[in-house]
């Protein structure tokens, strides 16, 4: 079923991006199933998703999770280890490496600098 790019982009935006957001809580969404539910192949879905967001679905997943991690660490309520585990990372090392790549600081440095800024 070819709905045309405009219709597909409209579908991918509200449904595709919204369906990927559970990644932020460590949930896994089967993107092949999501693409099928939108009536497109996975490769078409991936291309449309990237054209809408600037990121592949997996890159988007990582960015959402790391943004959530930054909020958790800024709150001072979670340790680096707890944050990593809560967001579904398999190791603190991998989480810390991904965090530093996105924010330019390790999670520990991020948390410390956030606490210093608080009044």
PDB file of N, CA and C in Angstrom:
ATOM      1  N   UNK A   1       0.847  -1.161   0.000  1.00  0.00           N
ATOM      2  CA  UNK A   1       0.000   0.000   0.000  1.00  0.00           C
ATOM      3  C   UNK A   1       0.898   1.232   0.000  1.00  0.00           C
ATOM      4  N   UNK A   2       0.866   1.986  -1.086  1.00  0.00           N
ATOM      5  CA  UNK A   2       1.686   3.186  -1.185  1.00  0.00           C
ATOM      6  C   UNK A   2       0.831   4.393  -0.860  1.00  0.00           C
ATOM      7  N   UNK A   3       1.100   5.020   0.252  1.00  0.00           N
ATOM      8  CA  UNK A   3       0.312   6.157   0.695  1.00  0.00           C
ATOM      9  C   UNK A   3       0.927   7.486   0.271  1.00  0.00           C
ATOM     10  N   UNK A   4       2.076   7.441  -0.373  1.00  0.00           N
ATOM     11  CA  UNK A   4       2.773   8.663  -0.736  1.00  0.00           C
ATOM     12  C   UNK A   4       3.612   9.167   0.422  1.00  0.00           C
ATOM     13  N   UNK A   5       4.705   9.842   0.102  1.00  0.00           N
ATOM     14  CA  UNK A   5       5.632  10.277   1.150  1.00  0.00           C
ATOM     15  C   UNK A   5       4.997  11.207   2.172  1.00  0.00           C
ATOM     16  N   UNK A   6       4.154  12.124   1.725  1.00  0.00           N
ATOM     17  CA  UNK A   6       3.554  13.066   2.675  1.00  0.00           C
ATOM     18  C   UNK A   6       2.731  12.321   3.725  1.00  0.00           C
ATOM     19  N   UNK A   7       1.901  11.369   3.287  1.00  0.00           N
ATOM     20  CA  UNK A   7       1.096  10.596   4.240  1.00  0.00           C
ATOM     21  C   UNK A   7       1.978   9.743   5.133  1.00  0.00           C
ATOM     22  N   UNK A   8       3.024   9.157   4.557  1.00  0.00           N
ATOM     23  CA  UNK A   8       3.918   8.320   5.354  1.00  0.00           C
ATOM     24  C   UNK A   8       4.635   9.147   6.406  1.00  0.00           C
ATOM     25  N   UNK A   9       5.110  10.318   6.019  1.00  0.00           N
ATOM     26  CA  UNK A   9       5.792  11.172   6.988  1.00  0.00           C
ATOM     27  C   UNK A   9       4.840  11.569   8.107  1.00  0.00           C
ATOM     28  N   UNK A  10       3.597  11.849   7.747  1.00  0.00           N
ATOM     29  CA  UNK A  10       2.603  12.189   8.758  1.00  0.00           C
ATOM     30  C   UNK A  10       2.389  11.013   9.704  1.00  0.00           C
ATOM     31  N   UNK A  11       2.361   9.801   9.160  1.00  0.00           N
ATOM     32  CA  UNK A  11       2.167   8.615   9.996  1.00  0.00           C
ATOM     33  C   UNK A  11       3.389   8.334  10.860  1.00  0.00           C
ATOM     34  N   UNK A  12       4.562   8.439  10.283  1.00  0.00           N
ATOM     35  CA  UNK A  12       5.779   8.126  11.031  1.00  0.00           C
ATOM     36  C   UNK A  12       5.960   9.115  12.174  1.00  0.00           C
ATOM     37  N   UNK A  13       5.647  10.385  11.959  1.00  0.00           N
ATOM     38  CA  UNK A  13       5.858  11.368  13.015  1.00  0.00           C
ATOM     39  C   UNK A  13       5.038  11.061  14.262  1.00  0.00           C
ATOM     40  N   UNK A  14       3.704  11.039  14.199  1.00  0.00           N
ATOM     41  CA  UNK A  14       2.983  10.820  15.453  1.00  0.00           C
ATOM     42  C   UNK A  14       3.073   9.401  15.991  1.00  0.00           C
ATOM     43  N   UNK A  15       3.135   8.411  15.121  1.00  0.00           N
ATOM     44  CA  UNK A  15       3.129   7.036  15.607  1.00  0.00           C
ATOM     45  C   UNK A  15       4.536   6.474  15.772  1.00  0.00           C
ATOM     46  N   UNK A  16       5.376   6.665  14.777  1.00  0.00           N
ATOM     47  CA  UNK A  16       6.716   6.098  14.843  1.00  0.00           C
ATOM     48  C   UNK A  16       7.547   6.660  15.965  1.00  0.00           C
ATOM     49  N   UNK A  17       7.595   7.964  16.072  1.00  0.00           N
ATOM     50  CA  UNK A  17       8.409   8.574  17.107  1.00  0.00           C
ATOM     51  C   UNK A  17       7.806   8.296  18.475  1.00  0.00           C
ATOM     52  N   UNK A  18       6.515   8.392  18.583  1.00  0.00           N
ATOM     53  CA  UNK A  18       5.851   8.103  19.851  1.00  0.00           C
ATOM     54  C   UNK A  18       6.075   6.683  20.315  1.00  0.00           C
ATOM     55  N   UNK A  19       6.116   5.747  19.381  1.00  0.00           N
ATOM     56  CA  UNK A  19       6.326   4.347  19.738  1.00  0.00           C
ATOM     57  C   UNK A  19       7.757   4.078  20.172  1.00  0.00           C
ATOM     58  N   UNK A  20       8.685   4.884  19.734  1.00  0.00           N
ATOM     59  CA  UNK A  20      10.081   4.681  20.104  1.00  0.00           C
ATOM     60  C   UNK A  20      10.353   5.237  21.498  1.00  0.00           C
ATOM     61  N   UNK A  21       9.540   6.140  21.979  1.00  0.00           N
ATOM     62  CA  UNK A  21       9.795   6.756  23.279  1.00  0.00           C
ATOM     63  C   UNK A  21       9.828   5.784  24.450  1.00  0.00           C
ATOM     64  N   UNK A  22       9.131   4.623  24.422  1.00  0.00           N
ATOM     65  CA  UNK A  22       9.309   3.685  25.537  1.00  0.00           C
ATOM     66  C   UNK A  22      10.759   3.236  25.725  1.00  0.00           C
ATOM     67  N   UNK A  23      11.603   3.428  24.698  1.00  0.00           N
ATOM     68  CA  UNK A  23      13.026   3.112  24.829  1.00  0.00           C
ATOM     69  C   UNK A  23      13.625   3.855  26.018  1.00  0.00           C
ATOM     70  N   UNK A  24      13.124   5.040  26.285  1.00  0.00           N
ATOM     71  CA  UNK A  24      13.678   5.861  27.359  1.00  0.00           C
ATOM     72  C   UNK A  24      13.551   5.183  28.714  1.00  0.00           C
ATOM     73  N   UNK A  25      12.646   4.260  28.831  1.00  0.00           N
ATOM     74  CA  UNK A  25      12.472   3.528  30.081  1.00  0.00           C
ATOM     75  C   UNK A  25      13.124   2.157  30.014  1.00  0.00           C
ATOM     76  N   UNK A  26      13.905   1.912  28.957  1.00  0.00           N
ATOM     77  CA  UNK A  26      14.592   0.636  28.824  1.00  0.00           C
ATOM     78  C   UNK A  26      13.781  -0.406  28.076  1.00  0.00           C
ATOM     79  N   UNK A  27      12.578  -0.049  27.635  1.00  0.00           N
ATOM     80  CA  UNK A  27      11.738  -0.999  26.906  1.00  0.00           C
ATOM     81  C   UNK A  27      12.262  -1.163  25.485  1.00  0.00           C
ATOM     82  N   UNK A  28      12.006  -2.293  24.909  1.00  0.00           N
ATOM     83  CA  UNK A  28      12.405  -2.532  23.524  1.00  0.00           C
ATOM     84  C   UNK A  28      11.142  -2.611  22.671  1.00  0.00           C
ATOM     85  N   UNK A  29      11.126  -1.880  21.591  1.00  0.00           N
ATOM     86  CA  UNK A  29      10.030  -1.918  20.645  1.00  0.00           C
ATOM     87  C   UNK A  29      10.545  -2.595  19.395  1.00  0.00           C
ATOM     88  N   UNK A  30       9.780  -3.523  18.868  1.00  0.00           N
ATOM     89  CA  UNK A  30      10.187  -4.185  17.635  1.00  0.00           C
ATOM     90  C   UNK A  30       9.890  -3.243  16.473  1.00  0.00           C
ATOM     91  N   UNK A  31      10.937  -2.632  15.944  1.00  0.00           N
ATOM     92  CA  UNK A  31      10.763  -1.638  14.894  1.00  0.00           C
ATOM     93  C   UNK A  31      10.277  -2.253  13.591  1.00  0.00           C
ATOM     94  N   UNK A  32      10.570  -3.528  13.379  1.00  0.00           N
ATOM     95  CA  UNK A  32      10.051  -4.213  12.187  1.00  0.00           C
ATOM     96  C   UNK A  32       8.525  -4.270  12.272  1.00  0.00           C
ATOM     97  N   UNK A  33       8.008  -4.616  13.462  1.00  0.00           N
ATOM     98  CA  UNK A  33       6.558  -4.665  13.660  1.00  0.00           C
ATOM     99  C   UNK A  33       5.944  -3.279  13.539  1.00  0.00           C
ATOM    100  N   UNK A  34       6.618  -2.287  14.083  1.00  0.00           N
ATOM    101  CA  UNK A  34       6.126  -0.919  13.995  1.00  0.00           C
ATOM    102  C   UNK A  34       6.032  -0.476  12.540  1.00  0.00           C
ATOM    103  N   UNK A  35       7.066  -0.761  11.758  1.00  0.00           N
ATOM    104  CA  UNK A  35       7.050  -0.412  10.334  1.00  0.00           C
ATOM    105  C   UNK A  35       5.895  -1.115   9.632  1.00  0.00           C
ATOM    106  N   UNK A  36       5.723  -2.394   9.919  1.00  0.00           N
ATOM    107  CA  UNK A  36       4.632  -3.159   9.296  1.00  0.00           C
ATOM    108  C   UNK A  36       3.275  -2.565   9.666  1.00  0.00           C
ATOM    109  N   UNK A  37       3.114  -2.132  10.908  1.00  0.00           N
ATOM    110  CA  UNK A  37       1.832  -1.555  11.326  1.00  0.00           C
ATOM    111  C   UNK A  37       1.543  -0.243  10.604  1.00  0.00           C
ATOM    112  N   UNK A  38       2.600   0.425  10.133  1.00  0.00           N
ATOM    113  CA  UNK A  38       2.444   1.653   9.359  1.00  0.00           C
ATOM    114  C   UNK A  38       2.331   1.375   7.864  1.00  0.00           C
ATOM    115  N   UNK A  39       2.462   0.097   7.496  1.00  0.00           N
ATOM    116  CA  UNK A  39       2.317  -0.295   6.094  1.00  0.00           C
ATOM    117  C   UNK A  39       3.532  -0.020   5.237  1.00  0.00           C
ATOM    118  N   UNK A  40       4.727   0.007   5.855  1.00  0.00           N
ATOM    119  CA  UNK A  40       5.957   0.253   5.103  1.00  0.00           C
ATOM    120  C   UNK A  40       7.009  -0.771   5.498  1.00  0.00           C
ATOM    121  N   UNK A  41       8.013  -0.914   4.646  1.00  0.00           N
ATOM    122  CA  UNK A  41       9.131  -1.800   4.977  1.00  0.00           C
ATOM    123  C   UNK A  41       9.966  -1.139   6.076  1.00  0.00           C
ATOM    124  N   UNK A  42      10.785  -1.956   6.743  1.00  0.00           N
ATOM    125  CA  UNK A  42      11.639  -1.401   7.793  1.00  0.00           C
ATOM    126  C   UNK A  42      12.607  -0.372   7.211  1.00  0.00           C
ATOM    127  N   UNK A  43      13.180  -0.659   6.044  1.00  0.00           N
ATOM    128  CA  UNK A  43      14.151   0.285   5.471  1.00  0.00           C
ATOM    129  C   UNK A  43      13.482   1.621   5.127  1.00  0.00           C
ATOM    130  N   UNK A  44      12.255   1.578   4.641  1.00  0.00           N
ATOM    131  CA  UNK A  44      11.516   2.812   4.341  1.00  0.00           C
ATOM    132  C   UNK A  44      11.204   3.558   5.649  1.00  0.00           C
ATOM    133  N   UNK A  45      10.757   2.807   6.655  1.00  0.00           N
ATOM    134  CA  UNK A  45      10.466   3.412   7.960  1.00  0.00           C
ATOM    135  C   UNK A  45      11.711   4.098   8.518  1.00  0.00           C
ATOM    136  N   UNK A  46      12.837   3.388   8.458  1.00  0.00           N
ATOM    137  CA  UNK A  46      14.085   3.932   8.999  1.00  0.00           C
ATOM    138  C   UNK A  46      14.466   5.226   8.277  1.00  0.00           C
ATOM    139  N   UNK A  47      14.358   5.232   6.951  1.00  0.00           N
ATOM    140  CA  UNK A  47      14.697   6.420   6.168  1.00  0.00           C
ATOM    141  C   UNK A  47      13.752   7.581   6.493  1.00  0.00           C
ATOM    142  N   UNK A  48      12.461   7.299   6.594  1.00  0.00           N
ATOM    143  CA  UNK A  48      11.495   8.343   6.913  1.00  0.00           C
ATOM    144  C   UNK A  48      11.699   8.869   8.338  1.00  0.00           C
ATOM    145  N   UNK A  49      11.975   7.961   9.243  1.00  0.00           N
ATOM    146  CA  UNK A  49      12.223   8.352  10.635  1.00  0.00           C
ATOM    147  C   UNK A  49      13.429   9.281  10.700  1.00  0.00           C
ATOM    148  N   UNK A  50      14.493   8.897   9.997  1.00  0.00           N
ATOM    149  CA  UNK A  50      15.709   9.713  10.012  1.00  0.00           C
ATOM    150  C   UNK A  50      15.461  11.072   9.360  1.00  0.00           C
ATOM    151  N   UNK A  51      14.644  11.112   8.309  1.00  0.00           N
ATOM    152  CA  UNK A  51      14.363  12.394   7.664  1.00  0.00           C
ATOM    153  C   UNK A  51      13.548  13.307   8.581  1.00  0.00           C
ATOM    154  N   UNK A  52      12.738  12.730   9.464  1.00  0.00           N
ATOM    155  CA  UNK A  52      11.929  13.519  10.396  1.00  0.00           C
ATOM    156  C   UNK A  52      12.717  13.981  11.613  1.00  0.00           C
ATOM    157  N   UNK A  53      13.623  13.145  12.097  1.00  0.00           N
ATOM    158  CA  UNK A  53      14.300  13.435  13.365  1.00  0.00           C
ATOM    159  C   UNK A  53      15.778  13.782  13.220  1.00  0.00           C
ATOM    160  N   UNK A  54      16.374  13.363  12.107  1.00  0.00           N
ATOM    161  CA  UNK A  54      17.816  13.525  11.947  1.00  0.00           C
ATOM    162  C   UNK A  54      18.604  12.359  12.519  1.00  0.00           C
ATOM    163  N   UNK A  55      17.903  11.383  13.094  1.00  0.00           N
ATOM    164  CA  UNK A  55      18.535  10.221  13.721  1.00  0.00           C
ATOM    165  C   UNK A  55      17.855   8.943  13.259  1.00  0.00           C
ATOM    166  N   UNK A  56      18.619   7.854  13.256  1.00  0.00           N
ATOM    167  CA  UNK A  56      17.994   6.551  13.033  1.00  0.00           C
ATOM    168  C   UNK A  56      17.164   6.234  14.278  1.00  0.00           C
ATOM    169  N   UNK A  57      16.235   5.289  14.186  1.00  0.00           N
ATOM    170  CA  UNK A  57      15.465   4.935  15.389  1.00  0.00           C
ATOM    171  C   UNK A  57      16.353   4.541  16.569  1.00  0.00           C
ATOM    172  N   UNK A  58      17.426   3.800  16.331  1.00  0.00           N
ATOM    173  CA  UNK A  58      18.310   3.395  17.432  1.00  0.00           C
ATOM    174  C   UNK A  58      19.094   4.583  17.995  1.00  0.00           C
ATOM    175  N   UNK A  59      19.553   5.485  17.116  1.00  0.00           N
ATOM    176  CA  UNK A  59      20.235   6.691  17.603  1.00  0.00           C
ATOM    177  C   UNK A  59      19.278   7.537  18.455  1.00  0.00           C
ATOM    178  N   UNK A  60      18.037   7.620  18.005  1.00  0.00           N
ATOM    179  CA  UNK A  60      17.008   8.360  18.730  1.00  0.00           C
ATOM    180  C   UNK A  60      16.785   7.740  20.108  1.00  0.00           C
ATOM    181  N   UNK A  61      16.719   6.418  20.141  1.00  0.00           N
ATOM    182  CA  UNK A  61      16.569   5.675  21.399  1.00  0.00           C
ATOM    183  C   UNK A  61      17.673   6.062  22.381  1.00  0.00           C
ATOM    184  N   UNK A  62      18.894   6.046  21.901  1.00  0.00           N
ATOM    185  CA  UNK A  62      20.045   6.346  22.759  1.00  0.00           C
ATOM    186  C   UNK A  62      19.975   7.781  23.272  1.00  0.00           C
ATOM    187  N   UNK A  63      19.642   8.716  22.399  1.00  0.00           N
ATOM    188  CA  UNK A  63      19.567  10.123  22.808  1.00  0.00           C
ATOM    189  C   UNK A  63      18.491  10.336  23.872  1.00  0.00           C
ATOM    190  N   UNK A  64      17.333   9.703  23.692  1.00  0.00           N
ATOM    191  CA  UNK A  64      16.256   9.839  24.673  1.00  0.00           C
ATOM    192  C   UNK A  64      16.704   9.279  26.018  1.00  0.00           C
ATOM    193  N   UNK A  65      17.299   8.093  25.988  1.00  0.00           N
ATOM    194  CA  UNK A  65      17.739   7.471  27.235  1.00  0.00           C
ATOM    195  C   UNK A  65      18.796   8.319  27.935  1.00  0.00           C
ATOM    196  N   UNK A  66      19.729   8.854  27.174  1.00  0.00           N
ATOM    197  CA  UNK A  66      20.789   9.653  27.788  1.00  0.00           C
ATOM    198  C   UNK A  66      20.267  10.994  28.301  1.00  0.00           C
ATOM    199  N   UNK A  67      19.292  11.572  27.608  1.00  0.00           N
ATOM    200  CA  UNK A  67      18.676  12.799  28.122  1.00  0.00           C
ATOM    201  C   UNK A  67      17.963  12.518  29.444  1.00  0.00           C
ATOM    202  N   UNK A  68      17.290  11.387  29.505  1.00  0.00           N
ATOM    203  CA  UNK A  68      16.627  10.981  30.756  1.00  0.00           C
ATOM    204  C   UNK A  68      17.681  10.759  31.850  1.00  0.00           C
ATOM    205  N   UNK A  69      18.787  10.135  31.481  1.00  0.00           N
ATOM    206  CA  UNK A  69      19.870   9.906  32.444  1.00  0.00           C
ATOM    207  C   UNK A  69      20.395  11.226  32.992  1.00  0.00           C
ATOM    208  N   UNK A  70      20.555  12.218  32.133  1.00  0.00           N
ATOM    209  CA  UNK A  70      21.069  13.510  32.600  1.00  0.00           C
ATOM    210  C   UNK A  70      20.119  14.126  33.621  1.00  0.00           C
ATOM    211  N   UNK A  71      18.808  13.989  33.395  1.00  0.00           N
ATOM    212  CA  UNK A  71      17.822  14.504  34.347  1.00  0.00           C
ATOM    213  C   UNK A  71      17.906  13.755  35.677  1.00  0.00           C
ATOM    214  N   UNK A  72      18.038  12.434  35.588  1.00  0.00           N
ATOM    215  CA  UNK A  72      18.117  11.617  36.798  1.00  0.00           C
ATOM    216  C   UNK A  72      19.354  11.981  37.616  1.00  0.00           C
ATOM    217  N   UNK A  73      20.471  12.172  36.935  1.00  0.00           N
ATOM    218  CA  UNK A  73      21.718  12.499  37.629  1.00  0.00           C
ATOM    219  C   UNK A  73      21.674  13.910  38.213  1.00  0.00           C
ATOM    220  N   UNK A  74      21.051  14.838  37.498  1.00  0.00           N
ATOM    221  CA  UNK A  74      20.939  16.205  38.004  1.00  0.00           C
ATOM    222  C   UNK A  74      20.094  16.272  39.267  1.00  0.00           C
ATOM    223  N   UNK A  75      19.110  15.383  39.360  1.00  0.00           N
ATOM    224  CA  UNK A  75      18.232  15.402  40.534  1.00  0.00           C
ATOM    225  C   UNK A  75      18.977  15.014  41.803  1.00  0.00           C
ATOM    226  N   UNK A  76      20.084  14.289  41.650  1.00  0.00           N
ATOM    227  CA  UNK A  76      20.852  13.852  42.800  1.00  0.00           C
ATOM    228  C   UNK A  76      20.237  12.668  43.527  1.00  0.00           C
ATOM    229  N   UNK A  77      19.157  12.136  43.002  1.00  0.00           N
ATOM    230  CA  UNK A  77      18.451  11.032  43.656  1.00  0.00           C
ATOM    231  C   UNK A  77      18.969   9.663  43.219  1.00  0.00           C
ATOM    232  N   UNK A  78      19.728   9.618  42.121  1.00  0.00           N
ATOM    233  CA  UNK A  78      20.193   8.345  41.579  1.00  0.00           C
ATOM    234  C   UNK A  78      21.705   8.333  41.446  1.00  0.00           C
ATOM    235  N   UNK A  79      22.298   7.200  41.752  1.00  0.00           N
ATOM    236  CA  UNK A  79      23.725   7.020  41.495  1.00  0.00           C
ATOM    237  C   UNK A  79      23.909   6.707  40.013  1.00  0.00           C
ATOM    238  N   UNK A  80      25.134   6.765  39.553  1.00  0.00           N
ATOM    239  CA  UNK A  80      25.431   6.414  38.167  1.00  0.00           C
ATOM    240  C   UNK A  80      25.022   4.970  37.907  1.00  0.00           C
ATOM    241  N   UNK A  81      25.347   4.095  38.820  1.00  0.00           N
ATOM    242  CA  UNK A  81      25.016   2.679  38.677  1.00  0.00           C
ATOM    243  C   UNK A  81      23.505   2.458  38.620  1.00  0.00           C
ATOM    244  N   UNK A  82      22.760   3.105  39.520  1.00  0.00           N
ATOM    245  CA  UNK A  82      21.301   2.965  39.532  1.00  0.00           C
ATOM    246  C   UNK A  82      20.680   3.514  38.251  1.00  0.00           C
ATOM    247  N   UNK A  83      21.186   4.643  37.789  1.00  0.00           N
ATOM    248  CA  UNK A  83      20.680   5.259  36.563  1.00  0.00           C
ATOM    249  C   UNK A  83      20.905   4.331  35.381  1.00  0.00           C
ATOM    250  N   UNK A  84      22.107   3.800  35.282  1.00  0.00           N
ATOM    251  CA  UNK A  84      22.454   2.877  34.204  1.00  0.00           C
ATOM    252  C   UNK A  84      21.515   1.672  34.199  1.00  0.00           C
ATOM    253  N   UNK A  85      21.323   1.098  35.363  1.00  0.00           N
ATOM    254  CA  UNK A  85      20.466  -0.088  35.478  1.00  0.00           C
ATOM    255  C   UNK A  85      19.007   0.242  35.165  1.00  0.00           C
ATOM    256  N   UNK A  86      18.509   1.347  35.697  1.00  0.00           N
ATOM    257  CA  UNK A  86      17.109   1.716  35.490  1.00  0.00           C
ATOM    258  C   UNK A  86      16.792   1.958  34.020  1.00  0.00           C
ATOM    259  N   UNK A  87      17.771   2.458  33.273  1.00  0.00           N
ATOM    260  CA  UNK A  87      17.545   2.740  31.859  1.00  0.00           C
ATOM    261  C   UNK A  87      17.876   1.560  30.951  1.00  0.00           C
ATOM    262  N   UNK A  88      18.225   0.434  31.538  1.00  0.00           N
ATOM    263  CA  UNK A  88      18.386  -0.790  30.762  1.00  0.00           C
ATOM    264  C   UNK A  88      19.746  -1.004  30.133  1.00  0.00           C
ATOM    265  N   UNK A  89      20.760  -0.288  30.586  1.00  0.00           N
ATOM    266  CA  UNK A  89      22.103  -0.512  30.048  1.00  0.00           C
ATOM    267  C   UNK A  89      22.673  -1.793  30.634  1.00  0.00           C
ATOM    268  N   UNK A  90      23.397  -2.528  29.811  1.00  0.00           N
ATOM    269  CA  UNK A  90      23.948  -3.815  30.246  1.00  0.00           C
ATOM    270  C   UNK A  90      25.159  -3.648  31.160  1.00  0.00           C
ATOM    271  N   UNK A  91      25.831  -2.503  31.082  1.00  0.00           N
ATOM    272  CA  UNK A  91      26.975  -2.264  31.965  1.00  0.00           C
ATOM    273  C   UNK A  91      27.125  -0.772  32.232  1.00  0.00           C
ATOM    274  N   UNK A  92      27.663  -0.452  33.384  1.00  0.00           N
ATOM    275  CA  UNK A  92      27.923   0.941  33.747  1.00  0.00           C
ATOM    276  C   UNK A  92      28.984   1.517  32.810  1.00  0.00           C
ATOM    277  N   UNK A  93      29.943   0.686  32.419  1.00  0.00           N
ATOM    278  CA  UNK A  93      31.002   1.139  31.516  1.00  0.00           C
ATOM    279  C   UNK A  93      30.410   1.625  30.193  1.00  0.00           C
ATOM    280  N   UNK A  94      29.541   0.809  29.591  1.00  0.00           N
ATOM    281  CA  UNK A  94      28.933   1.182  28.308  1.00  0.00           C
ATOM    282  C   UNK A  94      28.087   2.442  28.475  1.00  0.00           C
ATOM    283  N   UNK A  95      27.297   2.504  29.535  1.00  0.00           N
ATOM    284  CA  UNK A  95      26.480   3.683  29.812  1.00  0.00           C
ATOM    285  C   UNK A  95      27.361   4.929  29.939  1.00  0.00           C
ATOM    286  N   UNK A  96      28.425   4.838  30.723  1.00  0.00           N
ATOM    287  CA  UNK A  96      29.310   5.985  30.952  1.00  0.00           C
ATOM    288  C   UNK A  96      29.966   6.456  29.663  1.00  0.00           C
ATOM    289  N   UNK A  97      30.371   5.511  28.844  1.00  0.00           N
ATOM    290  CA  UNK A  97      31.000   5.853  27.563  1.00  0.00           C
ATOM    291  C   UNK A  97      30.014   6.578  26.645  1.00  0.00           C
ATOM    292  N   UNK A  98      28.780   6.056  26.546  1.00  0.00           N
ATOM    293  CA  UNK A  98      27.759   6.682  25.701  1.00  0.00           C
ATOM    294  C   UNK A  98      27.386   8.066  26.240  1.00  0.00           C
ATOM    295  N   UNK A  99      27.279   8.184  27.557  1.00  0.00           N
ATOM    296  CA  UNK A  99      26.933   9.457  28.186  1.00  0.00           C
ATOM    297  C   UNK A  99      27.997  10.511  27.877  1.00  0.00           C
ATOM    298  N   UNK A 100      29.247  10.147  28.054  1.00  0.00           N
ATOM    299  CA  UNK A 100      30.337  11.094  27.804  1.00  0.00           C
ATOM    300  C   UNK A 100      30.384  11.494  26.333  1.00  0.00           C
ATOM    301  N   UNK A 101      30.088  10.556  25.452  1.00  0.00           N
ATOM    302  CA  UNK A 101      30.086  10.863  24.020  1.00  0.00           C
ATOM    303  C   UNK A 101      29.010  11.907  23.704  1.00  0.00           C
ATOM    304  N   UNK A 102      27.855  11.822  24.347  1.00  0.00           N
ATOM    305  CA  UNK A 102      26.776  12.770  24.065  1.00  0.00           C
ATOM    306  C   UNK A 102      26.968  14.110  24.772  1.00  0.00           C
ATOM    307  N   UNK A 103      27.411  14.096  26.026  1.00  0.00           N
ATOM    308  CA  UNK A 103      27.451  15.317  26.826  1.00  0.00           C
ATOM    309  C   UNK A 103      28.842  15.899  27.059  1.00  0.00           C
ATOM    310  N   UNK A 104      29.890  15.146  26.714  1.00  0.00           N
ATOM    311  CA  UNK A 104      31.242  15.658  26.889  1.00  0.00           C
ATOM    312  C   UNK A 104      31.776  15.557  28.310  1.00  0.00           C
ATOM    313  N   UNK A 105      30.992  14.978  29.202  1.00  0.00           N
ATOM    314  CA  UNK A 105      31.406  14.753  30.593  1.00  0.00           C
ATOM    315  C   UNK A 105      30.960  13.358  30.989  1.00  0.00           C
ATOM    316  N   UNK A 106      31.692  12.766  31.923  1.00  0.00           N
ATOM    317  CA  UNK A 106      31.255  11.476  32.447  1.00  0.00           C
ATOM    318  C   UNK A 106      29.991  11.704  33.279  1.00  0.00           C
ATOM    319  N   UNK A 107      29.199  10.669  33.507  1.00  0.00           N
ATOM    320  CA  UNK A 107      28.008  10.836  34.347  1.00  0.00           C
ATOM    321  C   UNK A 107      28.341  11.397  35.732  1.00  0.00           C
ATOM    322  N   UNK A 108      29.449  10.958  36.323  1.00  0.00           N
ATOM    323  CA  UNK A 108      29.848  11.446  37.644  1.00  0.00           C
ATOM    324  C   UNK A 108      30.174  12.942  37.596  1.00  0.00           C
ATOM    325  N   UNK A 109      30.941  13.343  36.576  1.00  0.00           N
ATOM    326  CA  UNK A 109      31.275  14.767  36.415  1.00  0.00           C
ATOM    327  C   UNK A 109      30.003  15.589  36.211  1.00  0.00           C
ATOM    328  N   UNK A 110      29.087  15.050  35.413  1.00  0.00           N
ATOM    329  CA  UNK A 110      27.813  15.724  35.126  1.00  0.00           C
ATOM    330  C   UNK A 110      27.034  15.945  36.425  1.00  0.00           C
ATOM    331  N   UNK A 111      26.928  14.894  37.225  1.00  0.00           N
ATOM    332  CA  UNK A 111      26.184  14.983  38.486  1.00  0.00           C
ATOM    333  C   UNK A 111      26.844  15.988  39.431  1.00  0.00           C
ATOM    334  N   UNK A 112      28.168  15.935  39.538  1.00  0.00           N
ATOM    335  CA  UNK A 112      28.889  16.866  40.420  1.00  0.00           C
ATOM    336  C   UNK A 112      28.692  18.312  39.984  1.00  0.00           C
ATOM    337  N   UNK A 113      28.820  18.573  38.682  1.00  0.00           N
ATOM    338  CA  UNK A 113      28.679  19.953  38.202  1.00  0.00           C
ATOM    339  C   UNK A 113      27.241  20.434  38.358  1.00  0.00           C
ATOM    340  N   UNK A 114      26.281  19.543  38.272  1.00  0.00           N
ATOM    341  CA  UNK A 114      24.876  19.914  38.464  1.00  0.00           C
ATOM    342  C   UNK A 114      24.613  20.306  39.906  1.00  0.00           C
ATOM    343  N   UNK A 115      25.228  19.590  40.839  1.00  0.00           N
ATOM    344  CA  UNK A 115      25.022  19.879  42.260  1.00  0.00           C
ATOM    345  C   UNK A 115      25.685  21.191  42.661  1.00  0.00           C
ATOM    346  N   UNK A 116      26.805  21.506  42.027  1.00  0.00           N
ATOM    347  CA  UNK A 116      27.496  22.766  42.336  1.00  0.00           C
ATOM    348  C   UNK A 116      26.679  23.969  41.893  1.00  0.00           C
ATOM    349  N   UNK A 117      25.912  23.809  40.795  1.00  0.00           N
ATOM    350  CA  UNK A 117      25.122  24.915  40.261  1.00  0.00           C
ATOM    351  C   UNK A 117      23.866  25.169  41.086  1.00  0.00           C
ATOM    352  N   UNK A 118      23.418  24.163  41.813  1.00  0.00           N
ATOM    353  CA  UNK A 118      22.184  24.313  42.597  1.00  0.00           C
ATOM    354  C   UNK A 118      22.400  25.314  43.727  1.00  0.00           C
ATOM    355  N   UNK A 119      21.374  26.155  44.017  1.00  0.00           N
ATOM    356  CA  UNK A 119      21.531  27.165  45.077  1.00  0.00           C
ATOM    357  C   UNK A 119      21.589  26.545  46.448  1.00  0.00           C
TER     358      UNK A 119
END
